Amino acid sequence: MGSRERVMTALGHAEPDRVPVHYYATGELEEKIKARLDVATHEELLGRLGVDLRYIRPPYQGRQLNSWPDGRYEDMWGTIYRPVRYETGVYDEADYMPYADVSTVEDVLALPGPDPDDFDYARVPALCRQFEGFALVAGNPGVPDMINGAGRMRGVERVVMDIGLEDPVGLAVMDTRVRFFLAHMERILEAGEGRIDILALGDDYGTQRGLLMSPASWRKLFKPVLKQFIDLGHAYGCRTMLHCCGSSRAIFDDFLELGLDVLDTVQPEAAGMDPAALKAEYGNKISFCGTLSVQRTLPHGTRDDVVAEVRHRIDVVAKGGGLILAPAHAMQPDTPVENALAVYETAGSMA
């Protein structure tokens, strides 16, 4: 089977020739993996690992975004990031948040944000041809990312308060993301002319122990938005995949009601997110992506531990289809290269 057929077979709840695989890793770990495999580029690395999905990203052509010699840079929302070094690597953290001090909805609407016209959609057909044979994905975990994304525009604490108080100003900030990404994703899907297979979405509704908010609050504030994106993907013939960290078990029936096709990450340590239990209860109704522990097994287990976990996911969660095997999040810099490679070697995808 080719990659596209493999992925679509699994998402159709049938078993392909092998489990399809995806890849998430930090830049520091990726450099180590590329050195071990003697490859130079990200695309070469994906080829060696046998990754079955490719992302369609039309080039940005909007206003010039600022950057500074000290590593700071500006995103299209006006947030400025600076690199912050931690024990094992570097993460870019929001240093200036343009929506932090807005006090009215009018203030929110007056701030300049990205425009769907800031991207070159004419390049989409060529990108689709470039990755012909792979399962093609539009979007990413930042679409619409009402919680984390708004947190980088306004501050995490403010966003949590916005949700709890249903603050009109905070909700307007989230809505700016929703309106932009709905239009942006539709432009990509339209330009793809039926070649795009998956619409990738993201919002971290969960913590390690449960939902970030009450189910009632999620159903009021977030469910209608998720429905718009799922309906958009289905209107263009796509499967829809939601990246959602933490525990989302309390709203699984809502995911099914909305017609979500794939839940991405499936963080096995989070409450109610045991992959085998989810497969037993929901496996014939929804597919999963991820499931491999980036908190325990991959960084702290032995290679044999990783092999055993991968084999369990293939034997149990991939049985009858319904799994794209992957780390549950980006593999971190302290993950041994041997453990990262063991995922793809055991899955039988390595070239």
Protein backbone atom coordinates (compact mmCIF):
# COMPACT_ATOMS: atom_id res chain seq x y z
CA MET A 1 0.00 0.00 0.00
CA GLY A 2 1.01 3.59 -0.50
CA SER A 3 0.85 6.05 2.37
CA ARG A 4 -2.45 7.66 1.42
CA GLU A 5 -4.22 4.33 0.96
CA ARG A 6 -2.73 3.10 4.24
CA VAL A 7 -3.99 6.10 6.21
CA MET A 8 -7.43 6.16 4.64
CA THR A 9 -7.83 2.41 5.12
CA ALA A 10 -7.05 2.76 8.83
CA LEU A 11 -9.42 5.72 9.19
CA GLY A 12 -12.09 3.63 7.49
CA HIS A 13 -11.72 1.11 10.34
CA ALA A 14 -10.04 -1.58 8.31
CA GLU A 15 -6.50 -2.93 8.72
CA PRO A 16 -3.89 -1.72 6.22
CA ASP A 17 -0.65 -3.52 5.39
CA ARG A 18 0.97 -1.89 8.44
CA VAL A 19 -0.09 0.72 10.96
CA PRO A 20 0.27 4.25 9.52
CA VAL A 21 2.68 6.46 11.44
CA HIS A 22 3.01 10.14 12.27
CA TYR A 23 5.89 12.12 13.81
CA TYR A 24 6.22 14.84 16.45
CA ALA A 25 9.54 15.96 17.97
CA THR A 26 11.27 19.11 19.22
CA GLY A 27 13.94 20.69 17.06
CA GLU A 28 16.75 19.61 19.39
CA LEU A 29 15.77 15.94 19.22
CA GLU A 30 15.16 16.11 15.48
CA GLU A 31 18.71 17.30 14.91
CA LYS A 32 20.03 14.31 16.86
CA ILE A 33 17.83 11.91 14.87
CA LYS A 34 18.93 13.43 11.54
CA ALA A 35 22.56 13.08 12.57
CA ARG A 36 22.05 9.45 13.53
CA LEU A 37 20.35 8.68 10.21
CA ASP A 38 22.72 10.90 8.21
CA VAL A 39 19.96 12.96 6.60
CA ALA A 40 20.01 16.72 6.07
CA THR A 41 16.41 17.89 5.84
CA HIS A 42 13.09 17.42 7.60
CA GLU A 43 11.55 15.88 4.49
CA GLU A 44 14.40 13.38 4.19
CA LEU A 45 13.86 12.46 7.82
CA LEU A 46 10.14 11.86 7.29
CA GLY A 47 11.01 9.64 4.35
CA ARG A 48 13.46 7.54 6.35
CA LEU A 49 10.98 7.13 9.20
CA GLY A 50 8.20 6.19 6.78
CA VAL A 51 5.83 8.91 7.95
CA ASP A 52 2.56 8.67 6.03
CA LEU A 53 1.19 12.22 6.32
CA ARG A 54 2.32 15.52 4.79
CA TYR A 55 1.07 19.05 5.55
CA ILE A 56 -0.07 21.52 2.91
CA ARG A 57 1.02 25.01 4.00
CA PRO A 58 0.56 27.86 1.52
CA PRO A 59 3.39 30.42 1.86
CA TYR A 60 2.79 33.52 3.97
CA GLN A 61 2.91 36.75 1.96
CA GLY A 62 1.46 39.27 4.39
CA ARG A 63 3.13 42.18 6.14
CA GLN A 64 6.77 41.88 7.10
CA LEU A 65 7.02 40.28 10.54
CA ASN A 66 9.72 41.64 12.83
CA SER A 67 12.65 39.68 14.22
CA TRP A 68 15.58 40.70 16.44
CA PRO A 69 19.22 39.61 16.84
CA ASP A 70 18.54 38.22 20.33
CA GLY A 71 16.19 35.59 18.89
CA ARG A 72 12.91 37.37 19.49
CA TYR A 73 10.36 37.32 16.68
CA GLU A 74 6.83 38.45 15.93
CA ASP A 75 3.95 36.26 14.76
CA MET A 76 1.08 37.30 12.52
CA TRP A 77 -1.08 38.24 15.54
CA GLY A 78 1.54 40.69 16.80
CA THR A 79 2.73 38.52 19.70
CA ILE A 80 6.49 38.71 20.26
CA TYR A 81 8.28 35.55 21.39
CA ARG A 82 11.69 35.13 23.00
CA PRO A 83 13.67 31.90 23.35
CA VAL A 84 13.77 30.62 26.94
CA ARG A 85 16.26 27.90 27.85
CA TYR A 86 15.13 25.09 30.09
CA GLU A 87 17.07 22.15 31.50
CA THR A 88 17.00 20.10 28.30
CA GLY A 89 16.17 22.55 25.54
CA VAL A 90 14.71 25.86 24.41
CA TYR A 91 11.08 26.89 24.08
CA ASP A 92 9.80 30.14 22.58
CA GLU A 93 7.62 31.95 25.12
CA ALA A 94 5.32 34.92 24.57
CA ASP A 95 7.20 38.05 25.70
CA TYR A 96 4.75 40.70 24.47
CA MET A 97 1.03 40.02 24.08
CA PRO A 98 -0.85 42.71 22.15
CA TYR A 99 -4.29 41.72 23.47
CA ALA A 100 -3.27 41.63 27.15
CA ASP A 101 -4.53 45.10 28.06
CA VAL A 102 -7.57 45.49 25.80
CA SER A 103 -10.65 46.40 27.81
CA THR A 104 -13.48 46.54 25.27
CA VAL A 105 -14.66 44.48 22.32
CA GLU A 106 -14.05 47.55 20.17
CA ASP A 107 -10.41 47.52 21.26
CA VAL A 108 -10.12 43.91 20.13
CA LEU A 109 -11.61 44.64 16.73
CA ALA A 110 -9.33 47.66 16.25
CA LEU A 111 -6.10 45.67 16.58
CA PRO A 112 -4.55 44.52 13.30
CA GLY A 113 -4.60 40.78 12.81
CA PRO A 114 -3.88 38.43 9.94
CA ASP A 115 -6.02 38.39 6.83
CA PRO A 116 -6.83 35.23 4.84
CA ASP A 117 -5.38 37.06 1.82
CA ASP A 118 -1.95 36.97 3.52
CA PHE A 119 -1.25 33.54 2.00
CA ASP A 120 -0.47 32.35 -1.52
CA TYR A 121 -3.19 29.77 -2.18
CA ALA A 122 -2.14 29.48 -5.81
CA ARG A 123 0.75 27.33 -4.55
CA VAL A 124 -1.56 24.72 -3.01
CA PRO A 125 -2.04 22.56 -6.14
CA ALA A 126 1.73 22.32 -6.65
CA LEU A 127 2.23 21.37 -3.00
CA CYS A 128 -0.40 18.65 -3.38
CA ARG A 129 1.42 17.30 -6.44
CA GLN A 130 4.75 17.45 -4.60
CA PHE A 131 3.38 15.17 -1.89
CA GLU A 132 1.27 12.97 -4.13
CA GLY A 133 0.87 9.52 -2.65
CA PHE A 134 0.81 10.74 0.96
CA ALA A 135 -2.21 11.51 3.10
CA LEU A 136 -2.45 15.30 2.77
CA VAL A 137 -3.32 17.47 5.76
CA ALA A 138 -4.53 21.08 5.91
CA GLY A 139 -4.33 22.87 9.23
CA ASN A 140 -2.44 22.00 12.39
CA PRO A 141 -2.94 21.96 16.19
CA GLY A 142 -3.03 25.79 16.17
CA VAL A 143 -6.37 25.86 14.30
CA PRO A 144 -8.29 27.56 15.86
CA ASP A 145 -6.57 26.98 19.24
CA MET A 146 -8.93 29.25 21.13
CA ILE A 147 -7.30 28.49 24.51
CA ASN A 148 -3.53 28.23 23.91
CA GLY A 149 -3.57 30.56 20.94
CA ALA A 150 -5.51 33.23 22.79
CA GLY A 151 -3.25 32.63 25.78
CA ARG A 152 -0.28 33.74 23.68
CA MET A 153 -2.22 36.83 22.61
CA ARG A 154 -3.66 37.76 26.00
CA GLY A 155 -2.07 35.65 28.74
CA VAL A 156 -2.97 32.18 29.99
CA GLU A 157 -4.39 33.36 33.31
CA ARG A 158 -6.59 35.93 31.59
CA VAL A 159 -7.91 33.34 29.16
CA VAL A 160 -8.81 30.94 31.97
CA MET A 161 -10.69 33.80 33.65
CA ASP A 162 -12.29 34.74 30.33
CA ILE A 163 -13.71 31.23 30.04
CA GLY A 164 -14.93 31.08 33.63
CA LEU A 165 -16.53 34.54 33.55
CA GLU A 166 -17.55 34.40 29.87
CA ASP A 167 -15.87 37.79 29.53
CA PRO A 168 -17.05 39.38 26.25
CA VAL A 169 -13.61 40.89 25.64
CA GLY A 170 -11.80 37.58 26.01
CA LEU A 171 -14.41 35.79 23.95
CA ALA A 172 -13.94 38.41 21.22
CA VAL A 173 -10.20 37.64 21.16
CA MET A 174 -11.01 33.95 20.69
CA ASP A 175 -13.53 34.84 17.99
CA THR A 176 -10.87 36.68 15.99
CA ARG A 177 -9.00 33.38 15.73
CA VAL A 178 -12.12 31.45 14.80
CA ARG A 179 -13.14 33.83 12.02
CA PHE A 180 -9.64 33.98 10.54
CA PHE A 181 -9.03 30.24 10.58
CA LEU A 182 -12.44 29.33 9.20
CA ALA A 183 -11.75 31.53 6.18
CA HIS A 184 -8.09 30.46 5.88
CA MET A 185 -8.85 26.74 6.02
CA GLU A 186 -11.66 27.04 3.50
CA ARG A 187 -9.32 28.81 1.08
CA ILE A 188 -6.78 25.98 1.41
CA LEU A 189 -9.40 23.26 0.98
CA GLU A 190 -10.90 25.02 -2.02
CA ALA A 191 -7.48 25.42 -3.64
CA GLY A 192 -6.76 21.75 -2.95
CA GLU A 193 -9.55 20.76 -5.34
CA GLY A 194 -10.37 17.55 -3.49
CA ARG A 195 -6.77 16.40 -2.98
CA ILE A 196 -6.64 17.15 0.76
CA ASP A 197 -7.58 14.22 2.97
CA ILE A 198 -7.56 15.55 6.54
CA LEU A 199 -8.45 18.86 8.16
CA ALA A 200 -6.30 19.15 11.29
CA LEU A 201 -7.65 21.17 14.23
CA GLY A 202 -6.46 21.83 17.74
CA ASP A 203 -7.56 23.05 21.17
CA ASP A 204 -6.37 21.72 24.52
CA TYR A 205 -9.62 21.28 26.43
CA GLY A 206 -8.13 19.02 29.08
CA THR A 207 -5.73 18.94 31.98
CA GLN A 208 -4.04 15.80 33.27
CA ARG A 209 -7.00 15.14 35.60
CA GLY A 210 -10.02 16.26 33.61
CA LEU A 211 -11.49 19.07 31.53
CA LEU A 212 -10.15 22.59 31.95
CA MET A 213 -13.76 23.73 32.40
CA SER A 214 -17.12 22.15 33.12
CA PRO A 215 -18.69 20.08 30.34
CA ALA A 216 -21.58 22.57 30.32
CA SER A 217 -19.19 25.47 29.76
CA TRP A 218 -17.39 23.56 26.97
CA ARG A 219 -20.69 22.79 25.27
CA LYS A 220 -21.70 26.44 25.39
CA LEU A 221 -18.44 28.09 24.34
CA PHE A 222 -16.44 25.55 22.35
CA LYS A 223 -18.73 22.89 20.92
CA PRO A 224 -20.45 25.22 18.40
CA VAL A 225 -17.04 26.37 17.14
CA LEU A 226 -15.72 22.84 16.76
CA LYS A 227 -18.90 21.98 14.83
CA GLN A 228 -18.20 24.74 12.31
CA PHE A 229 -14.74 23.37 11.57
CA ILE A 230 -15.85 19.75 11.42
CA ASP A 231 -18.70 20.68 9.08
CA LEU A 232 -16.24 22.64 6.93
CA GLY A 233 -13.91 19.67 6.60
CA HIS A 234 -16.72 17.29 5.77
CA ALA A 235 -18.11 19.70 3.17
CA TYR A 236 -14.80 19.32 1.30
CA GLY A 237 -14.66 15.55 1.68
CA CYS A 238 -12.03 15.56 4.46
CA ARG A 239 -11.67 13.53 7.60
CA THR A 240 -11.35 15.84 10.61
CA MET A 241 -8.65 15.38 13.26
CA LEU A 242 -8.60 17.21 16.60
CA HIS A 243 -5.34 17.62 18.54
CA CYS A 244 -6.44 17.79 22.19
CA CYS A 245 -4.00 17.27 25.04
CA GLY A 246 -5.04 16.06 28.48
CA SER A 247 -8.26 14.33 29.47
CA SER A 248 -11.23 14.85 27.15
CA ARG A 249 -13.11 11.67 28.14
CA ALA A 250 -16.03 13.67 29.58
CA ILE A 251 -16.93 15.03 26.14
CA PHE A 252 -16.26 11.99 23.97
CA ASP A 253 -19.94 11.55 23.21
CA ASP A 254 -20.00 15.15 22.03
CA PHE A 255 -17.08 14.43 19.69
CA LEU A 256 -19.07 11.56 18.22
CA GLU A 257 -22.20 13.68 17.90
CA LEU A 258 -20.25 16.31 15.96
CA GLY A 259 -18.82 13.67 13.64
CA LEU A 260 -15.16 14.05 14.62
CA ASP A 261 -13.16 11.42 12.74
CA VAL A 262 -9.81 11.32 14.60
CA LEU A 263 -8.71 12.31 18.10
CA ASP A 264 -5.04 13.24 18.08
CA THR A 265 -2.55 12.79 20.95
CA VAL A 266 -4.48 10.40 23.25
CA GLN A 267 -2.21 11.14 26.20
CA PRO A 268 -2.17 7.77 28.01
CA GLU A 269 -1.35 9.16 31.48
CA ALA A 270 -4.33 11.54 31.54
CA ALA A 271 -7.48 10.55 33.42
CA GLY A 272 -9.74 8.28 31.40
CA MET A 273 -7.44 8.25 28.36
CA ASP A 274 -6.08 4.70 28.49
CA PRO A 275 -5.77 3.78 24.79
CA ALA A 276 -7.00 0.19 25.24
CA ALA A 277 -10.08 1.33 27.16
CA LEU A 278 -10.87 4.01 24.58
CA LYS A 279 -10.50 1.46 21.79
CA ALA A 280 -12.84 -0.96 23.54
CA GLU A 281 -15.55 1.67 24.07
CA TYR A 282 -15.23 3.92 21.03
CA GLY A 283 -12.96 2.14 18.56
CA ASN A 284 -15.62 1.45 15.95
CA LYS A 285 -16.85 5.06 16.03
CA ILE A 286 -13.71 7.21 16.05
CA SER A 287 -10.04 6.80 15.15
CA PHE A 288 -7.02 7.75 17.21
CA CYS A 289 -3.64 9.33 16.49
CA GLY A 290 -0.79 9.24 18.98
CA THR A 291 -1.10 7.03 22.14
CA LEU A 292 2.66 6.63 22.82
CA SER A 293 3.78 8.10 26.14
CA VAL A 294 6.04 11.14 25.92
CA GLN A 295 5.94 11.56 29.71
CA ARG A 296 7.21 8.14 30.73
CA THR A 297 8.03 5.47 28.17
CA LEU A 298 9.75 7.43 25.41
CA PRO A 299 11.98 9.65 27.58
CA HIS A 300 12.52 7.38 30.59
CA GLY A 301 11.91 3.80 29.45
CA THR A 302 14.35 1.39 27.87
CA ARG A 303 14.29 0.57 24.20
CA ASP A 304 12.54 -2.70 25.12
CA ASP A 305 9.88 -0.68 26.98
CA VAL A 306 9.24 1.38 23.85
CA VAL A 307 9.04 -1.73 21.68
CA ALA A 308 6.56 -3.31 24.07
CA GLU A 309 4.35 -0.20 24.11
CA VAL A 310 4.39 0.09 20.32
CA ARG A 311 3.49 -3.59 19.94
CA HIS A 312 0.65 -3.18 22.43
CA ARG A 313 -0.78 -0.25 20.47
CA ILE A 314 -0.53 -2.21 17.21
CA ASP A 315 -2.04 -5.39 18.66
CA VAL A 316 -4.83 -3.68 20.60
CA VAL A 317 -5.58 -0.16 19.36
CA ALA A 318 -4.79 -0.74 15.66
CA LYS A 319 -6.76 -3.99 15.56
CA GLY A 320 -9.47 -3.60 12.93
CA GLY A 321 -8.00 -0.23 11.90
CA GLY A 322 -8.56 3.13 13.54
CA LEU A 323 -5.01 4.11 14.60
CA ILE A 324 -2.30 6.42 13.30
CA LEU A 325 0.63 5.51 15.54
CA ALA A 326 2.60 8.46 16.91
CA PRO A 327 4.00 10.03 20.05
CA ALA A 328 1.25 11.61 22.16
CA HIS A 329 3.00 14.98 21.75
CA ALA A 330 6.36 16.24 20.56
CA MET A 331 9.13 13.94 21.75
CA GLN A 332 11.27 16.09 24.03
CA PRO A 333 15.03 16.74 23.88
CA ASP A 334 15.75 14.26 26.68
CA THR A 335 14.25 11.37 24.69
CA PRO A 336 17.02 8.93 23.69
CA VAL A 337 17.45 8.71 19.94
CA GLU A 338 17.31 4.92 20.23
CA ASN A 339 13.84 5.16 21.77
CA ALA A 340 12.58 7.54 19.10
CA LEU A 341 13.81 5.29 16.31
CA ALA A 342 12.40 2.20 18.04
CA VAL A 343 8.89 3.55 17.39
CA TYR A 344 9.31 3.44 13.64
CA GLU A 345 11.48 0.32 13.53
CA THR A 346 8.87 -1.63 15.50
CA ALA A 347 6.04 -0.25 13.38
CA GLY A 348 7.86 -1.52 10.28
CA SER A 349 7.89 1.87 8.60
CA MET A 350 11.64 2.62 8.52
CA ALA A 351 13.18 2.86 5.09
